[in-house]
Amino acid sequence: MNDRRSAHVRTGAGVPAYRRIATALWEQIQSGELAPGARLPNEAELAARFGVTRLTLRQAVIELQRLGAVEIRRGVGTFVMSPPDLVEIVASVPSLRQESDATADAFDEQALHRSARPVRTVDELILGSGAATGPLADEASAHLGVPAERLHRLDTVMVRDGRRWIANSYWFDERWAAVDGLVAEHALVVRAFADGLGLQLGYLWRAFSAIGADFDDAETLGVPTGTALLVRDGVSADDTGRPVFYVRRRLRGDEAKFVLRYDTEPMRVEG
């Protein structure tokens, strides 16, 4: 499987020409072939390359602009944007709190596993799976300590009350690939790992960031390209502390609230 699950959909029959062009350029940006600061060829050259009109080409560039991938400088050209610098906010959360937090939320794998009757009806559907490639595979490899060539990728969508809700991507050692066949039985990937494979899971770390929906996530979640998504990613480990999987979850920003609960002692503010 390619690093993005729906390449066959994006480039297939019925996909508008401008979207196919935007996807091709987006993949060049993601791979580094078009580096940050690089100037895209002019409209006439790109239109000739893809065999489309300049109007169609402009639509493709606008799609990339919505993603924050390019900047259009009037009278100068279109340039690839640098990835944003993320401000890292670090908080240590006691492991006991992770194990005892009873919130039944689909972003909380521990609560999903423990809850016999979740507050929400949530199922997880597989969209694609296979060998992992691309920059995200390298990132997952670093997080898990597993060579990229041994990584398996599983893409899913969580469905809440019949509506597609959260897009998810998991990376893990190919020896756990049997989990793919257990998801339908256990409803959720984390339950497939826990109940199907008998693993006791806990968090190593979790992080939050925000992105604009790319073409795959927009299609998966039924939102316009560039829609603000909250990303929660992190590594889950077994009871020995050995990493099991790296996960990236994407949820519409207008449906998300990030809550950080502190211990019982109130925080003192000086001054």
C-alpha atoms as a PDB file:
ATOM      1  CA  MET A   1       0.000   0.000   0.000  1.00  0.00           C
ATOM      2  CA  ASN A   2       1.221   3.509  -0.698  1.00  0.00           C
ATOM      3  CA  ASP A   3       1.843   5.785   2.278  1.00  0.00           C
ATOM      4  CA  ARG A   4      -1.471   7.445   1.480  1.00  0.00           C
ATOM      5  CA  ARG A   5      -4.242   4.918   1.276  1.00  0.00           C
ATOM      6  CA  SER A   6      -6.434   6.258  -1.532  1.00  0.00           C
ATOM      7  CA  ALA A   7      -4.077   6.951  -4.418  1.00  0.00           C
ATOM      8  CA  HIS A   8      -6.178   4.609  -6.527  1.00  0.00           C
ATOM      9  CA  VAL A   9      -9.271   6.695  -5.724  1.00  0.00           C
ATOM     10  CA  ARG A  10      -7.701  10.097  -6.259  1.00  0.00           C
ATOM     11  CA  THR A  11      -6.349   9.208  -9.684  1.00  0.00           C
ATOM     12  CA  GLY A  12      -9.210   7.016 -10.877  1.00  0.00           C
ATOM     13  CA  ALA A  13     -12.176   7.624 -13.139  1.00  0.00           C
ATOM     14  CA  GLY A  14     -14.549  10.287 -11.908  1.00  0.00           C
ATOM     15  CA  VAL A  15     -11.897  12.309 -10.083  1.00  0.00           C
ATOM     16  CA  PRO A  16     -11.773  15.878 -11.484  1.00  0.00           C
ATOM     17  CA  ALA A  17      -8.649  16.774 -13.438  1.00  0.00           C
ATOM     18  CA  TYR A  18      -7.769  19.633 -11.074  1.00  0.00           C
ATOM     19  CA  ARG A  19      -7.837  17.231  -8.111  1.00  0.00           C
ATOM     20  CA  ARG A  20      -5.565  14.738  -9.874  1.00  0.00           C
ATOM     21  CA  ILE A  21      -3.097  17.530 -10.641  1.00  0.00           C
ATOM     22  CA  ALA A  22      -3.252  18.893  -7.081  1.00  0.00           C
ATOM     23  CA  THR A  23      -2.674  15.381  -5.739  1.00  0.00           C
ATOM     24  CA  ALA A  24       0.338  14.822  -7.994  1.00  0.00           C
ATOM     25  CA  LEU A  25       1.911  18.107  -6.878  1.00  0.00           C
ATOM     26  CA  TRP A  26       1.010  17.461  -3.239  1.00  0.00           C
ATOM     27  CA  GLU A  27       2.796  14.098  -3.365  1.00  0.00           C
ATOM     28  CA  GLN A  28       5.894  15.779  -4.818  1.00  0.00           C
ATOM     29  CA  ILE A  29       5.802  18.266  -1.941  1.00  0.00           C
ATOM     30  CA  GLN A  30       5.321  15.510   0.640  1.00  0.00           C
ATOM     31  CA  SER A  31       8.210  13.483  -0.775  1.00  0.00           C
ATOM     32  CA  GLY A  32      10.550  16.490  -0.824  1.00  0.00           C
ATOM     33  CA  GLU A  33      10.843  16.488  -4.602  1.00  0.00           C
ATOM     34  CA  LEU A  34       9.407  20.005  -4.400  1.00  0.00           C
ATOM     35  CA  ALA A  35      11.257  21.418  -1.412  1.00  0.00           C
ATOM     36  CA  PRO A  36      10.128  24.299   0.831  1.00  0.00           C
ATOM     37  CA  GLY A  37      10.842  27.597  -0.889  1.00  0.00           C
ATOM     38  CA  ALA A  38      10.880  26.026  -4.342  1.00  0.00           C
ATOM     39  CA  ARG A  39       9.043  27.898  -7.062  1.00  0.00           C
ATOM     40  CA  LEU A  40       6.521  25.893  -9.044  1.00  0.00           C
ATOM     41  CA  PRO A  41       6.827  26.000 -12.834  1.00  0.00           C
ATOM     42  CA  ASN A  42       4.629  28.694 -14.371  1.00  0.00           C
ATOM     43  CA  GLU A  43       0.995  28.080 -15.295  1.00  0.00           C
ATOM     44  CA  ALA A  44       1.654  27.564 -18.998  1.00  0.00           C
ATOM     45  CA  GLU A  45       4.358  24.962 -18.332  1.00  0.00           C
ATOM     46  CA  LEU A  46       2.298  23.029 -15.786  1.00  0.00           C
ATOM     47  CA  ALA A  47      -0.833  23.159 -17.947  1.00  0.00           C
ATOM     48  CA  ALA A  48       1.138  21.741 -20.873  1.00  0.00           C
ATOM     49  CA  ARG A  49       2.702  19.052 -18.664  1.00  0.00           C
ATOM     50  CA  PHE A  50      -0.662  17.817 -17.426  1.00  0.00           C
ATOM     51  CA  GLY A  51      -2.527  18.428 -20.680  1.00  0.00           C
ATOM     52  CA  VAL A  52      -5.166  20.744 -19.189  1.00  0.00           C
ATOM     53  CA  THR A  53      -6.276  24.333 -19.564  1.00  0.00           C
ATOM     54  CA  ARG A  54      -4.762  27.079 -17.447  1.00  0.00           C
ATOM     55  CA  LEU A  55      -8.102  27.474 -15.673  1.00  0.00           C
ATOM     56  CA  THR A  56      -7.985  23.832 -14.556  1.00  0.00           C
ATOM     57  CA  LEU A  57      -4.397  24.275 -13.465  1.00  0.00           C
ATOM     58  CA  ARG A  58      -5.360  27.323 -11.379  1.00  0.00           C
ATOM     59  CA  GLN A  59      -8.039  25.276  -9.604  1.00  0.00           C
ATOM     60  CA  ALA A  60      -5.385  22.721  -8.670  1.00  0.00           C
ATOM     61  CA  VAL A  61      -3.087  25.404  -7.272  1.00  0.00           C
ATOM     62  CA  ILE A  62      -5.946  26.891  -5.234  1.00  0.00           C
ATOM     63  CA  GLU A  63      -6.541  23.440  -3.695  1.00  0.00           C
ATOM     64  CA  LEU A  64      -2.880  23.340  -2.647  1.00  0.00           C
ATOM     65  CA  GLN A  65      -3.192  26.849  -1.244  1.00  0.00           C
ATOM     66  CA  ARG A  66      -6.143  25.714   0.903  1.00  0.00           C
ATOM     67  CA  LEU A  67      -3.915  22.981   2.297  1.00  0.00           C
ATOM     68  CA  GLY A  68      -1.285  25.552   3.216  1.00  0.00           C
ATOM     69  CA  ALA A  69       1.142  23.744   0.899  1.00  0.00           C
ATOM     70  CA  VAL A  70       1.887  26.672  -1.412  1.00  0.00           C
ATOM     71  CA  GLU A  71       1.884  30.458  -1.337  1.00  0.00           C
ATOM     72  CA  ILE A  72       0.747  32.437  -4.369  1.00  0.00           C
ATOM     73  CA  ARG A  73       2.736  35.651  -4.743  1.00  0.00           C
ATOM     74  CA  ARG A  74       0.984  37.827  -7.310  1.00  0.00           C
ATOM     75  CA  GLY A  75       3.262  38.784 -10.155  1.00  0.00           C
ATOM     76  CA  VAL A  76       6.079  36.608  -8.807  1.00  0.00           C
ATOM     77  CA  GLY A  77       4.953  32.970  -8.798  1.00  0.00           C
ATOM     78  CA  THR A  78       3.783  30.109  -6.600  1.00  0.00           C
ATOM     79  CA  PHE A  79       6.126  28.798  -3.929  1.00  0.00           C
ATOM     80  CA  VAL A  80       6.161  25.726  -1.706  1.00  0.00           C
ATOM     81  CA  MET A  81       5.542  26.638   1.924  1.00  0.00           C
ATOM     82  CA  SER A  82       7.754  25.464   4.764  1.00  0.00           C
ATOM     83  CA  PRO A  83       6.067  23.237   7.368  1.00  0.00           C
ATOM     84  CA  PRO A  84       4.929  25.259  10.393  1.00  0.00           C
ATOM     85  CA  ASP A  85       7.140  25.402  13.469  1.00  0.00           C
ATOM     86  CA  LEU A  86       5.177  23.705  16.238  1.00  0.00           C
ATOM     87  CA  VAL A  87       5.379  24.944  19.801  1.00  0.00           C
ATOM     88  CA  GLU A  88       5.888  21.935  22.062  1.00  0.00           C
ATOM     89  CA  ILE A  89       3.959  22.057  25.339  1.00  0.00           C
ATOM     90  CA  VAL A  90       5.052  19.240  27.634  1.00  0.00           C
ATOM     91  CA  ALA A  91       3.178  18.001  30.697  1.00  0.00           C
ATOM     92  CA  SER A  92       3.919  14.880  32.721  1.00  0.00           C
ATOM     93  CA  VAL A  93       0.790  12.856  33.437  1.00  0.00           C
ATOM     94  CA  PRO A  94       0.940  10.151  36.141  1.00  0.00           C
ATOM     95  CA  SER A  95       0.535   6.675  34.676  1.00  0.00           C
ATOM     96  CA  LEU A  96      -2.114   5.909  37.310  1.00  0.00           C
ATOM     97  CA  ARG A  97      -4.265   8.693  35.868  1.00  0.00           C
ATOM     98  CA  GLN A  98      -3.990   7.126  32.429  1.00  0.00           C
ATOM     99  CA  GLU A  99      -5.164   3.783  33.774  1.00  0.00           C
ATOM    100  CA  SER A 100      -8.041   5.138  35.848  1.00  0.00           C
ATOM    101  CA  ASP A 101      -9.489   7.878  33.644  1.00  0.00           C
ATOM    102  CA  ALA A 102     -13.056   6.708  32.964  1.00  0.00           C
ATOM    103  CA  THR A 103     -13.858   9.018  30.063  1.00  0.00           C
ATOM    104  CA  ALA A 104     -15.413   6.884  27.292  1.00  0.00           C
ATOM    105  CA  ASP A 105     -14.057   8.834  24.362  1.00  0.00           C
ATOM    106  CA  ALA A 106     -12.905   7.401  21.027  1.00  0.00           C
ATOM    107  CA  PHE A 107      -9.682   9.402  21.378  1.00  0.00           C
ATOM    108  CA  ASP A 108      -9.001   7.473  24.605  1.00  0.00           C
ATOM    109  CA  GLU A 109      -7.926   3.940  23.722  1.00  0.00           C
ATOM    110  CA  GLN A 110      -7.764   2.896  27.377  1.00  0.00           C
ATOM    111  CA  ALA A 111     -11.368   3.965  28.036  1.00  0.00           C
ATOM    112  CA  LEU A 112     -12.561   2.292  24.853  1.00  0.00           C
ATOM    113  CA  HIS A 113     -10.985  -0.976  25.896  1.00  0.00           C
ATOM    114  CA  ARG A 114     -12.362  -0.904  29.458  1.00  0.00           C
ATOM    115  CA  SER A 115     -15.858   0.328  28.730  1.00  0.00           C
ATOM    116  CA  ALA A 116     -18.368  -2.478  28.228  1.00  0.00           C
ATOM    117  CA  ARG A 117     -20.994   0.027  27.047  1.00  0.00           C
ATOM    118  CA  PRO A 118     -19.366   3.208  25.676  1.00  0.00           C
ATOM    119  CA  VAL A 119     -21.195   6.494  25.943  1.00  0.00           C
ATOM    120  CA  ARG A 120     -21.144   6.710  22.138  1.00  0.00           C
ATOM    121  CA  THR A 121     -21.713   3.924  19.641  1.00  0.00           C
ATOM    122  CA  VAL A 122     -18.401   3.719  17.808  1.00  0.00           C
ATOM    123  CA  ASP A 123     -17.181   1.234  15.210  1.00  0.00           C
ATOM    124  CA  GLU A 124     -13.920   1.271  13.292  1.00  0.00           C
ATOM    125  CA  LEU A 125     -13.827   0.359   9.608  1.00  0.00           C
ATOM    126  CA  ILE A 126     -10.656  -0.593   7.721  1.00  0.00           C
ATOM    127  CA  LEU A 127      -9.922   1.574   4.677  1.00  0.00           C
ATOM    128  CA  GLY A 128      -6.612   0.038   3.666  1.00  0.00           C
ATOM    129  CA  SER A 129      -3.568  -1.832   4.931  1.00  0.00           C
ATOM    130  CA  GLY A 130      -0.173  -3.043   3.816  1.00  0.00           C
ATOM    131  CA  ALA A 131       3.512  -2.203   3.880  1.00  0.00           C
ATOM    132  CA  ALA A 132       4.274   1.340   5.031  1.00  0.00           C
ATOM    133  CA  THR A 133       6.288   3.749   2.901  1.00  0.00           C
ATOM    134  CA  GLY A 134       7.052   7.461   2.781  1.00  0.00           C
ATOM    135  CA  PRO A 135       8.022  10.119   5.353  1.00  0.00           C
ATOM    136  CA  LEU A 136       5.422   9.027   7.905  1.00  0.00           C
ATOM    137  CA  ALA A 137       6.813   5.498   7.802  1.00  0.00           C
ATOM    138  CA  ASP A 138      10.238   6.905   8.659  1.00  0.00           C
ATOM    139  CA  GLU A 139       8.706   8.865  11.527  1.00  0.00           C
ATOM    140  CA  ALA A 140       6.895   5.777  12.820  1.00  0.00           C
ATOM    141  CA  SER A 141      10.092   3.759  12.519  1.00  0.00           C
ATOM    142  CA  ALA A 142      11.900   6.257  14.728  1.00  0.00           C
ATOM    143  CA  HIS A 143       9.102   6.244  17.321  1.00  0.00           C
ATOM    144  CA  LEU A 144       8.845   2.452  17.468  1.00  0.00           C
ATOM    145  CA  GLY A 145      12.468   1.445  16.992  1.00  0.00           C
ATOM    146  CA  VAL A 146      11.417  -0.849  14.140  1.00  0.00           C
ATOM    147  CA  PRO A 147      13.062  -0.732  10.683  1.00  0.00           C
ATOM    148  CA  ALA A 148      10.791   0.970   8.156  1.00  0.00           C
ATOM    149  CA  GLU A 149      10.869  -2.060   5.878  1.00  0.00           C
ATOM    150  CA  ARG A 150       9.274  -4.134   8.652  1.00  0.00           C
ATOM    151  CA  LEU A 151       6.445  -1.684   9.316  1.00  0.00           C
ATOM    152  CA  HIS A 152       2.805  -2.462   8.574  1.00  0.00           C
ATOM    153  CA  ARG A 153       0.302   0.373   8.118  1.00  0.00           C
ATOM    154  CA  LEU A 154      -3.419   0.176   8.846  1.00  0.00           C
ATOM    155  CA  ASP A 155      -5.810   3.010   7.877  1.00  0.00           C
ATOM    156  CA  THR A 156      -9.275   3.155   9.391  1.00  0.00           C
ATOM    157  CA  VAL A 157     -12.189   5.461  10.045  1.00  0.00           C
ATOM    158  CA  MET A 158     -14.208   5.525  13.262  1.00  0.00           C
ATOM    159  CA  VAL A 159     -17.933   5.749  12.650  1.00  0.00           C
ATOM    160  CA  ARG A 160     -20.123   7.245  15.364  1.00  0.00           C
ATOM    161  CA  ASP A 161     -23.884   6.756  15.106  1.00  0.00           C
ATOM    162  CA  GLY A 162     -23.564   6.029  11.393  1.00  0.00           C
ATOM    163  CA  ARG A 163     -21.387   9.074  10.558  1.00  0.00           C
ATOM    164  CA  ARG A 164     -17.707   9.031   9.696  1.00  0.00           C
ATOM    165  CA  TRP A 165     -16.020  10.693  12.619  1.00  0.00           C
ATOM    166  CA  ILE A 166     -12.254  10.144  13.083  1.00  0.00           C
ATOM    167  CA  ALA A 167      -9.639   9.161  10.496  1.00  0.00           C
ATOM    168  CA  ASN A 168      -6.888   6.954  11.932  1.00  0.00           C
ATOM    169  CA  SER A 169      -3.559   5.575  10.782  1.00  0.00           C
ATOM    170  CA  TYR A 170      -1.577   2.951  12.704  1.00  0.00           C
ATOM    171  CA  TRP A 171       1.974   1.748  12.165  1.00  0.00           C
ATOM    172  CA  PHE A 172       3.318  -1.383  13.834  1.00  0.00           C
ATOM    173  CA  ASP A 173       5.710  -4.278  13.370  1.00  0.00           C
ATOM    174  CA  GLU A 174       4.527  -6.597  10.599  1.00  0.00           C
ATOM    175  CA  ARG A 175       4.430  -9.452  13.140  1.00  0.00           C
ATOM    176  CA  TRP A 176       1.229  -7.888  14.491  1.00  0.00           C
ATOM    177  CA  ALA A 177      -0.392  -7.762  11.029  1.00  0.00           C
ATOM    178  CA  ALA A 178      -2.941 -10.385  12.107  1.00  0.00           C
ATOM    179  CA  VAL A 179      -4.740  -7.573  13.938  1.00  0.00           C
ATOM    180  CA  ASP A 180      -6.238  -6.520  10.591  1.00  0.00           C
ATOM    181  CA  GLY A 181      -8.436  -9.597  10.561  1.00  0.00           C
ATOM    182  CA  LEU A 182      -9.613  -9.050  14.141  1.00  0.00           C
ATOM    183  CA  VAL A 183     -10.954  -5.505  13.859  1.00  0.00           C
ATOM    184  CA  ALA A 184     -14.412  -6.483  12.554  1.00  0.00           C
ATOM    185  CA  GLU A 185     -14.879  -8.917  15.454  1.00  0.00           C
ATOM    186  CA  HIS A 186     -13.730  -6.492  18.151  1.00  0.00           C
ATOM    187  CA  ALA A 187     -15.136  -3.249  16.626  1.00  0.00           C
ATOM    188  CA  LEU A 188     -11.997  -1.181  17.324  1.00  0.00           C
ATOM    189  CA  VAL A 189      -8.310  -1.597  16.553  1.00  0.00           C
ATOM    190  CA  VAL A 190      -7.242  -1.078  20.160  1.00  0.00           C
ATOM    191  CA  ARG A 191      -9.634  -3.823  21.263  1.00  0.00           C
ATOM    192  CA  ALA A 192      -8.298  -6.095  18.526  1.00  0.00           C
ATOM    193  CA  PHE A 193      -4.814  -5.643  19.993  1.00  0.00           C
ATOM    194  CA  ALA A 194      -5.994  -6.070  23.584  1.00  0.00           C
ATOM    195  CA  ASP A 195      -8.696  -8.743  23.349  1.00  0.00           C
ATOM    196  CA  GLY A 196      -7.723 -10.370  20.066  1.00  0.00           C
ATOM    197  CA  LEU A 197      -3.956 -10.552  20.580  1.00  0.00           C
ATOM    198  CA  GLY A 198      -3.980 -10.491  24.379  1.00  0.00           C
ATOM    199  CA  LEU A 199      -1.812  -7.378  24.770  1.00  0.00           C
ATOM    200  CA  GLN A 200      -2.059  -5.080  27.783  1.00  0.00           C
ATOM    201  CA  LEU A 201      -1.742  -1.580  26.359  1.00  0.00           C
ATOM    202  CA  GLY A 202      -0.693   1.678  27.959  1.00  0.00           C
ATOM    203  CA  TYR A 203       0.392   5.096  26.704  1.00  0.00           C
ATOM    204  CA  LEU A 204       4.027   6.027  26.257  1.00  0.00           C
ATOM    205  CA  TRP A 205       3.145   9.514  25.031  1.00  0.00           C
ATOM    206  CA  ARG A 206       0.432  11.483  23.246  1.00  0.00           C
ATOM    207  CA  ALA A 207       0.728  14.789  21.363  1.00  0.00           C
ATOM    208  CA  PHE A 208      -1.764  17.235  19.849  1.00  0.00           C
ATOM    209  CA  SER A 209      -1.415  19.443  16.786  1.00  0.00           C
ATOM    210  CA  ALA A 210      -3.598  20.945  14.070  1.00  0.00           C
ATOM    211  CA  ILE A 211      -3.534  20.512  10.285  1.00  0.00           C
ATOM    212  CA  GLY A 212      -5.688  21.264   7.262  1.00  0.00           C
ATOM    213  CA  ALA A 213      -7.482  18.237   5.855  1.00  0.00           C
ATOM    214  CA  ASP A 214      -5.556  16.841   2.903  1.00  0.00           C
ATOM    215  CA  PHE A 215      -7.268  15.094  -0.008  1.00  0.00           C
ATOM    216  CA  ASP A 216      -7.480  11.708   1.727  1.00  0.00           C
ATOM    217  CA  ASP A 217      -8.786  13.024   5.042  1.00  0.00           C
ATOM    218  CA  ALA A 218     -11.238  15.341   3.297  1.00  0.00           C
ATOM    219  CA  GLU A 219     -12.635  12.372   1.386  1.00  0.00           C
ATOM    220  CA  THR A 220     -12.682  10.103   4.434  1.00  0.00           C
ATOM    221  CA  LEU A 221     -14.418  12.589   6.727  1.00  0.00           C
ATOM    222  CA  GLY A 222     -16.608  14.251   4.098  1.00  0.00           C
ATOM    223  CA  VAL A 223     -15.215  17.750   4.667  1.00  0.00           C
ATOM    224  CA  PRO A 224     -13.728  20.362   2.297  1.00  0.00           C
ATOM    225  CA  THR A 225     -10.005  20.271   1.632  1.00  0.00           C
ATOM    226  CA  GLY A 226      -8.176  22.446   4.152  1.00  0.00           C
ATOM    227  CA  THR A 227     -10.753  21.998   6.942  1.00  0.00           C
ATOM    228  CA  ALA A 228      -9.081  22.373  10.339  1.00  0.00           C
ATOM    229  CA  LEU A 229      -8.409  18.988  11.936  1.00  0.00           C
ATOM    230  CA  LEU A 230      -7.115  18.181  15.391  1.00  0.00           C
ATOM    231  CA  VAL A 231      -4.368  15.558  15.260  1.00  0.00           C
ATOM    232  CA  ARG A 232      -3.653  13.327  18.202  1.00  0.00           C
ATOM    233  CA  ASP A 233      -0.668  11.073  17.713  1.00  0.00           C
ATOM    234  CA  GLY A 234       1.419   8.928  19.987  1.00  0.00           C
ATOM    235  CA  VAL A 235       2.843   5.549  20.876  1.00  0.00           C
ATOM    236  CA  SER A 236       1.133   2.794  22.854  1.00  0.00           C
ATOM    237  CA  ALA A 237       3.190   0.111  24.584  1.00  0.00           C
ATOM    238  CA  ASP A 238       2.666  -3.302  26.170  1.00  0.00           C
ATOM    239  CA  ASP A 239       2.928  -3.967  29.897  1.00  0.00           C
ATOM    240  CA  THR A 240       6.729  -4.210  29.658  1.00  0.00           C
ATOM    241  CA  GLY A 241       6.965  -0.728  28.146  1.00  0.00           C
ATOM    242  CA  ARG A 242       7.859  -2.014  24.673  1.00  0.00           C
ATOM    243  CA  PRO A 243       6.250   0.098  21.906  1.00  0.00           C
ATOM    244  CA  VAL A 244       3.448  -1.718  20.055  1.00  0.00           C
ATOM    245  CA  PHE A 245       2.014   0.860  17.644  1.00  0.00           C
ATOM    246  CA  TYR A 246       2.265   4.487  16.590  1.00  0.00           C
ATOM    247  CA  VAL A 247      -1.105   6.098  15.806  1.00  0.00           C
ATOM    248  CA  ARG A 248      -2.258   9.358  14.200  1.00  0.00           C
ATOM    249  CA  ARG A 249      -5.930  10.280  14.667  1.00  0.00           C
ATOM    250  CA  ARG A 250      -7.572  13.201  12.810  1.00  0.00           C
ATOM    251  CA  LEU A 251     -10.810  14.790  13.993  1.00  0.00           C
ATOM    252  CA  ARG A 252     -12.651  17.885  12.795  1.00  0.00           C
ATOM    253  CA  GLY A 253     -11.504  20.861  14.820  1.00  0.00           C
ATOM    254  CA  ASP A 254     -15.053  22.046  15.512  1.00  0.00           C
ATOM    255  CA  GLU A 255     -15.839  18.698  17.159  1.00  0.00           C
ATOM    256  CA  ALA A 256     -12.802  18.564  19.438  1.00  0.00           C
ATOM    257  CA  LYS A 257     -11.956  19.922  22.868  1.00  0.00           C
ATOM    258  CA  PHE A 258      -8.535  19.400  24.433  1.00  0.00           C
ATOM    259  CA  VAL A 259      -8.723  19.051  28.223  1.00  0.00           C
ATOM    260  CA  LEU A 260      -5.678  18.769  30.494  1.00  0.00           C
ATOM    261  CA  ARG A 261      -6.625  17.664  34.012  1.00  0.00           C
ATOM    262  CA  TYR A 262      -4.111  18.406  36.730  1.00  0.00           C
ATOM    263  CA  ASP A 263      -3.654  16.626  40.040  1.00  0.00           C
ATOM    264  CA  THR A 264      -5.699  17.634  43.096  1.00  0.00           C
ATOM    265  CA  GLU A 265      -3.252  20.307  44.286  1.00  0.00           C
ATOM    266  CA  PRO A 266      -4.172  23.673  42.688  1.00  0.00           C
ATOM    267  CA  MET A 267      -1.467  25.353  40.647  1.00  0.00           C
ATOM    268  CA  ARG A 268      -0.097  28.499  42.297  1.00  0.00           C
ATOM    269  CA  VAL A 269       0.316  31.573  40.145  1.00  0.00           C
ATOM    270  CA  GLU A 270       2.980  33.987  41.344  1.00  0.00           C
ATOM    271  CA  GLY A 271       2.616  37.760  41.063  1.00  0.00           C
END
